[in-house]
Amino acid sequence: MYRLLYPMRTYLIVTGRDDEVNVMAADWVTVLSFKPEIVGVAVSPKRYTHGLIKKYGEYVISVPSVQMLRDVWIAGTESGPEKLRKMNITLTPSKTIKTPSISEALANIECKVIDYRDYGDHTLFVGRVTGYTYNPEAFKNGEPVPSAGFLAHIARNKFITFKDEILTI
């Protein structure tokens, strides 16, 4: 049933610090509040990232571009921090938390966990946004630029990006 909600934007979730950093691909990311800024990410307890978010109480939601598709695939299909050696990403210090951000990402949203609850086979980690960075070419006048190469996941190994066509009413 959940595939009826697709395509969904694809993100990279970064958590941990020092030699214990991990990056996981995730589609199940959502805005929960505008004021204060709160976002959530659903993570299976089977994932290495789940334990790191619980341990450190923070995470970064990185917005990958189509140029990062291979890295998204590795982050979503391989487990554990050793996959970082296969990825072509640069971890950089975040502004407000100790979990690093990804330099190549279109945006990085830094979050401190304020709550988490289990729902079925996933945990919803609720994070208060403490800081963010973004590529100014990918966001103009507070809006995403479709031609920047945002990714959406269709199913399994299928992804799409957005056309530079904006429909207005």
C-alpha atoms as a PDB file:
ATOM      1  CA  MET A   1       0.000   0.000   0.000  1.00  0.00           C
ATOM      2  CA  TYR A   2       2.672   2.561   0.941  1.00  0.00           C
ATOM      3  CA  ARG A   3       3.922   2.621  -2.675  1.00  0.00           C
ATOM      4  CA  LEU A   4       0.660   4.356  -3.590  1.00  0.00           C
ATOM      5  CA  LEU A   5       2.183   7.466  -1.973  1.00  0.00           C
ATOM      6  CA  TYR A   6       5.181   7.440  -4.320  1.00  0.00           C
ATOM      7  CA  PRO A   7       7.095   9.055  -5.933  1.00  0.00           C
ATOM      8  CA  MET A   8       8.563  10.567  -2.792  1.00  0.00           C
ATOM      9  CA  ARG A   9      11.547  12.850  -2.365  1.00  0.00           C
ATOM     10  CA  THR A  10      14.704  11.028  -1.350  1.00  0.00           C
ATOM     11  CA  TYR A  11      17.016  12.244   1.413  1.00  0.00           C
ATOM     12  CA  LEU A  12      20.241  11.197   3.090  1.00  0.00           C
ATOM     13  CA  ILE A  13      20.143  10.962   6.884  1.00  0.00           C
ATOM     14  CA  VAL A  14      23.497  11.578   8.558  1.00  0.00           C
ATOM     15  CA  THR A  15      24.063  10.730  12.212  1.00  0.00           C
ATOM     16  CA  GLY A  16      26.879   9.979  14.617  1.00  0.00           C
ATOM     17  CA  ARG A  17      30.215  11.688  14.952  1.00  0.00           C
ATOM     18  CA  ASP A  18      33.932  11.099  14.577  1.00  0.00           C
ATOM     19  CA  ASP A  19      34.548   7.440  13.499  1.00  0.00           C
ATOM     20  CA  GLU A  20      30.942   6.507  14.190  1.00  0.00           C
ATOM     21  CA  VAL A  21      29.243   8.478  11.382  1.00  0.00           C
ATOM     22  CA  ASN A  22      26.686   6.800   9.151  1.00  0.00           C
ATOM     23  CA  VAL A  23      24.635   7.912   6.149  1.00  0.00           C
ATOM     24  CA  MET A  24      21.308   6.267   5.277  1.00  0.00           C
ATOM     25  CA  ALA A  25      18.933   6.930   2.372  1.00  0.00           C
ATOM     26  CA  ALA A  26      15.373   7.708   3.473  1.00  0.00           C
ATOM     27  CA  ASP A  27      12.129   8.640   1.750  1.00  0.00           C
ATOM     28  CA  TRP A  28       9.983   8.790   4.876  1.00  0.00           C
ATOM     29  CA  VAL A  29      10.833  12.339   5.959  1.00  0.00           C
ATOM     30  CA  THR A  30       8.163  14.925   6.782  1.00  0.00           C
ATOM     31  CA  VAL A  31       7.599  18.428   8.114  1.00  0.00           C
ATOM     32  CA  LEU A  32       5.655  18.284  11.393  1.00  0.00           C
ATOM     33  CA  SER A  33       5.568  21.968  12.387  1.00  0.00           C
ATOM     34  CA  PHE A  34       6.362  25.309  10.809  1.00  0.00           C
ATOM     35  CA  LYS A  35       6.680  27.253  14.087  1.00  0.00           C
ATOM     36  CA  PRO A  36       8.720  25.955  15.751  1.00  0.00           C
ATOM     37  CA  GLU A  37      10.456  24.190  12.864  1.00  0.00           C
ATOM     38  CA  ILE A  38      10.098  20.457  13.506  1.00  0.00           C
ATOM     39  CA  VAL A  39      10.700  17.575  11.104  1.00  0.00           C
ATOM     40  CA  GLY A  40      10.487  13.825  11.453  1.00  0.00           C
ATOM     41  CA  VAL A  41      12.144  10.814   9.903  1.00  0.00           C
ATOM     42  CA  ALA A  42      10.964   7.213  10.138  1.00  0.00           C
ATOM     43  CA  VAL A  43      13.786   4.687  10.633  1.00  0.00           C
ATOM     44  CA  SER A  44      13.576   0.937  11.115  1.00  0.00           C
ATOM     45  CA  PRO A  45      15.164  -0.336  14.365  1.00  0.00           C
ATOM     46  CA  LYS A  46      17.053  -2.812  12.139  1.00  0.00           C
ATOM     47  CA  ARG A  47      19.093   0.060  10.667  1.00  0.00           C
ATOM     48  CA  TYR A  48      22.485   1.079  12.060  1.00  0.00           C
ATOM     49  CA  THR A  49      21.330   4.710  11.816  1.00  0.00           C
ATOM     50  CA  HIS A  50      18.527   4.004  14.303  1.00  0.00           C
ATOM     51  CA  GLY A  51      20.986   3.200  17.093  1.00  0.00           C
ATOM     52  CA  LEU A  52      23.140   6.238  16.323  1.00  0.00           C
ATOM     53  CA  ILE A  53      20.196   8.637  16.414  1.00  0.00           C
ATOM     54  CA  LYS A  54      19.157   7.201  19.796  1.00  0.00           C
ATOM     55  CA  LYS A  55      22.734   7.385  21.099  1.00  0.00           C
ATOM     56  CA  TYR A  56      23.556  10.943  19.984  1.00  0.00           C
ATOM     57  CA  GLY A  57      20.097  12.532  19.845  1.00  0.00           C
ATOM     58  CA  GLU A  58      20.681  14.386  16.601  1.00  0.00           C
ATOM     59  CA  TYR A  59      20.693  13.947  12.846  1.00  0.00           C
ATOM     60  CA  VAL A  60      21.094  15.856   9.594  1.00  0.00           C
ATOM     61  CA  ILE A  61      18.653  15.600   6.704  1.00  0.00           C
ATOM     62  CA  SER A  62      20.748  16.110   3.557  1.00  0.00           C
ATOM     63  CA  VAL A  63      19.001  16.860   0.269  1.00  0.00           C
ATOM     64  CA  PRO A  64      20.891  15.021  -2.498  1.00  0.00           C
ATOM     65  CA  SER A  65      20.965  16.022  -6.134  1.00  0.00           C
ATOM     66  CA  VAL A  66      20.707  13.764  -9.165  1.00  0.00           C
ATOM     67  CA  GLN A  67      24.520  13.974  -9.395  1.00  0.00           C
ATOM     68  CA  MET A  68      24.603  12.099  -6.066  1.00  0.00           C
ATOM     69  CA  LEU A  69      22.423   9.193  -7.258  1.00  0.00           C
ATOM     70  CA  ARG A  70      25.196   6.588  -6.926  1.00  0.00           C
ATOM     71  CA  ASP A  71      25.816   7.727  -3.326  1.00  0.00           C
ATOM     72  CA  VAL A  72      22.088   7.582  -2.562  1.00  0.00           C
ATOM     73  CA  TRP A  73      22.018   4.019  -3.882  1.00  0.00           C
ATOM     74  CA  ILE A  74      24.995   2.949  -1.755  1.00  0.00           C
ATOM     75  CA  ALA A  75      23.537   4.655   1.343  1.00  0.00           C
ATOM     76  CA  GLY A  76      20.217   2.894   0.782  1.00  0.00           C
ATOM     77  CA  THR A  77      21.430  -0.608  -0.046  1.00  0.00           C
ATOM     78  CA  GLU A  78      24.497  -1.123   2.139  1.00  0.00           C
ATOM     79  CA  SER A  79      24.695  -1.164   5.927  1.00  0.00           C
ATOM     80  CA  GLY A  80      27.177   0.268   8.392  1.00  0.00           C
ATOM     81  CA  PRO A  81      29.782   3.020   8.270  1.00  0.00           C
ATOM     82  CA  GLU A  82      32.179   1.123   5.981  1.00  0.00           C
ATOM     83  CA  LYS A  83      29.962   2.134   3.041  1.00  0.00           C
ATOM     84  CA  LEU A  84      31.237   5.719   3.451  1.00  0.00           C
ATOM     85  CA  ARG A  85      34.519   4.629   1.852  1.00  0.00           C
ATOM     86  CA  LYS A  86      32.580   3.729  -1.319  1.00  0.00           C
ATOM     87  CA  MET A  87      30.669   6.998  -1.399  1.00  0.00           C
ATOM     88  CA  ASN A  88      31.881  10.154  -3.098  1.00  0.00           C
ATOM     89  CA  ILE A  89      30.737  12.608  -0.416  1.00  0.00           C
ATOM     90  CA  THR A  90      32.530  15.123   1.760  1.00  0.00           C
ATOM     91  CA  LEU A  91      31.489  15.313   5.395  1.00  0.00           C
ATOM     92  CA  THR A  92      31.766  18.842   6.756  1.00  0.00           C
ATOM     93  CA  PRO A  93      31.084  20.303  10.207  1.00  0.00           C
ATOM     94  CA  SER A  94      27.487  21.348  10.797  1.00  0.00           C
ATOM     95  CA  LYS A  95      26.692  24.794  12.234  1.00  0.00           C
ATOM     96  CA  THR A  96      24.762  23.818  15.374  1.00  0.00           C
ATOM     97  CA  ILE A  97      25.270  20.109  16.097  1.00  0.00           C
ATOM     98  CA  LYS A  98      28.189  17.653  16.181  1.00  0.00           C
ATOM     99  CA  THR A  99      26.774  15.383  13.440  1.00  0.00           C
ATOM    100  CA  PRO A 100      28.402  16.402  10.136  1.00  0.00           C
ATOM    101  CA  SER A 101      26.633  17.605   6.999  1.00  0.00           C
ATOM    102  CA  ILE A 102      27.304  16.624   3.380  1.00  0.00           C
ATOM    103  CA  SER A 103      29.069  19.326   1.313  1.00  0.00           C
ATOM    104  CA  GLU A 104      27.716  18.118  -2.032  1.00  0.00           C
ATOM    105  CA  ALA A 105      24.070  18.156  -0.882  1.00  0.00           C
ATOM    106  CA  LEU A 106      21.640  20.808  -2.105  1.00  0.00           C
ATOM    107  CA  ALA A 107      20.720  21.470   1.534  1.00  0.00           C
ATOM    108  CA  ASN A 108      21.464  20.184   5.030  1.00  0.00           C
ATOM    109  CA  ILE A 109      18.948  20.486   7.861  1.00  0.00           C
ATOM    110  CA  GLU A 110      20.403  20.033  11.358  1.00  0.00           C
ATOM    111  CA  CYS A 111      18.050  18.493  13.944  1.00  0.00           C
ATOM    112  CA  LYS A 112      18.088  17.733  17.676  1.00  0.00           C
ATOM    113  CA  VAL A 113      15.784  14.893  18.692  1.00  0.00           C
ATOM    114  CA  ILE A 114      12.925  16.118  20.891  1.00  0.00           C
ATOM    115  CA  ASP A 115      10.836  12.949  20.824  1.00  0.00           C
ATOM    116  CA  TYR A 116      10.661   9.496  19.276  1.00  0.00           C
ATOM    117  CA  ARG A 117       8.004   6.828  19.214  1.00  0.00           C
ATOM    118  CA  ASP A 118       7.589   3.423  17.649  1.00  0.00           C
ATOM    119  CA  TYR A 119       4.835   3.038  15.083  1.00  0.00           C
ATOM    120  CA  GLY A 120       4.605  -0.493  13.712  1.00  0.00           C
ATOM    121  CA  ASP A 121       7.990  -1.546  12.391  1.00  0.00           C
ATOM    122  CA  HIS A 122       9.551   1.966  12.363  1.00  0.00           C
ATOM    123  CA  THR A 123      10.499   4.642  14.871  1.00  0.00           C
ATOM    124  CA  LEU A 124       9.507   8.221  14.111  1.00  0.00           C
ATOM    125  CA  PHE A 125      12.340  10.468  15.270  1.00  0.00           C
ATOM    126  CA  VAL A 126      11.055  13.998  15.776  1.00  0.00           C
ATOM    127  CA  GLY A 127      13.702  16.699  15.473  1.00  0.00           C
ATOM    128  CA  ARG A 128      13.709  20.417  16.175  1.00  0.00           C
ATOM    129  CA  VAL A 129      15.597  22.223  13.418  1.00  0.00           C
ATOM    130  CA  THR A 130      18.593  23.966  14.966  1.00  0.00           C
ATOM    131  CA  GLY A 131      20.308  25.124  11.777  1.00  0.00           C
ATOM    132  CA  TYR A 132      20.588  24.604   8.067  1.00  0.00           C
ATOM    133  CA  THR A 133      22.735  25.330   5.042  1.00  0.00           C
ATOM    134  CA  TYR A 134      21.807  25.263   1.361  1.00  0.00           C
ATOM    135  CA  ASN A 135      23.128  25.821  -2.128  1.00  0.00           C
ATOM    136  CA  PRO A 136      21.786  29.242  -3.205  1.00  0.00           C
ATOM    137  CA  GLU A 137      21.599  28.042  -6.829  1.00  0.00           C
ATOM    138  CA  ALA A 138      19.123  25.322  -5.806  1.00  0.00           C
ATOM    139  CA  PHE A 139      16.822  27.662  -3.842  1.00  0.00           C
ATOM    140  CA  LYS A 140      15.765  31.105  -5.103  1.00  0.00           C
ATOM    141  CA  ASN A 141      13.399  33.460  -3.268  1.00  0.00           C
ATOM    142  CA  GLY A 142      12.756  30.771  -0.655  1.00  0.00           C
ATOM    143  CA  GLU A 143      11.664  28.174  -3.225  1.00  0.00           C
ATOM    144  CA  PRO A 144      13.407  25.137  -4.734  1.00  0.00           C
ATOM    145  CA  VAL A 145      14.597  25.452  -8.340  1.00  0.00           C
ATOM    146  CA  PRO A 146      13.359  22.277 -10.133  1.00  0.00           C
ATOM    147  CA  SER A 147      16.325  22.192 -12.521  1.00  0.00           C
ATOM    148  CA  ALA A 148      18.732  21.855  -9.562  1.00  0.00           C
ATOM    149  CA  GLY A 149      18.262  18.076  -9.802  1.00  0.00           C
ATOM    150  CA  PHE A 150      16.160  17.131  -6.777  1.00  0.00           C
ATOM    151  CA  LEU A 151      15.576  13.371  -6.555  1.00  0.00           C
ATOM    152  CA  ALA A 152      12.380  11.435  -6.012  1.00  0.00           C
ATOM    153  CA  HIS A 153      12.196   7.678  -5.480  1.00  0.00           C
ATOM    154  CA  ILE A 154       9.682   5.656  -7.473  1.00  0.00           C
ATOM    155  CA  ALA A 155      10.427   2.073  -6.374  1.00  0.00           C
ATOM    156  CA  ARG A 156      13.421  -0.167  -5.763  1.00  0.00           C
ATOM    157  CA  ASN A 157      16.209   1.142  -8.083  1.00  0.00           C
ATOM    158  CA  LYS A 158      14.065   3.707  -9.943  1.00  0.00           C
ATOM    159  CA  PHE A 159      14.341   7.442  -9.360  1.00  0.00           C
ATOM    160  CA  ILE A 160      13.150  10.567 -11.140  1.00  0.00           C
ATOM    161  CA  THR A 161      14.067  14.203 -11.103  1.00  0.00           C
ATOM    162  CA  PHE A 162      11.874  17.212 -11.750  1.00  0.00           C
ATOM    163  CA  LYS A 163      11.395  19.024 -15.044  1.00  0.00           C
ATOM    164  CA  ASP A 164      11.964  22.748 -15.083  1.00  0.00           C
ATOM    165  CA  GLU A 165       8.236  23.269 -15.434  1.00  0.00           C
ATOM    166  CA  ILE A 166       6.258  25.026 -12.758  1.00  0.00           C
ATOM    167  CA  LEU A 167       2.465  24.969 -12.886  1.00  0.00           C
ATOM    168  CA  THR A 168       0.650  27.881 -11.243  1.00  0.00           C
ATOM    169  CA  ILE A 169      -3.026  28.545 -10.716  1.00  0.00           C
END
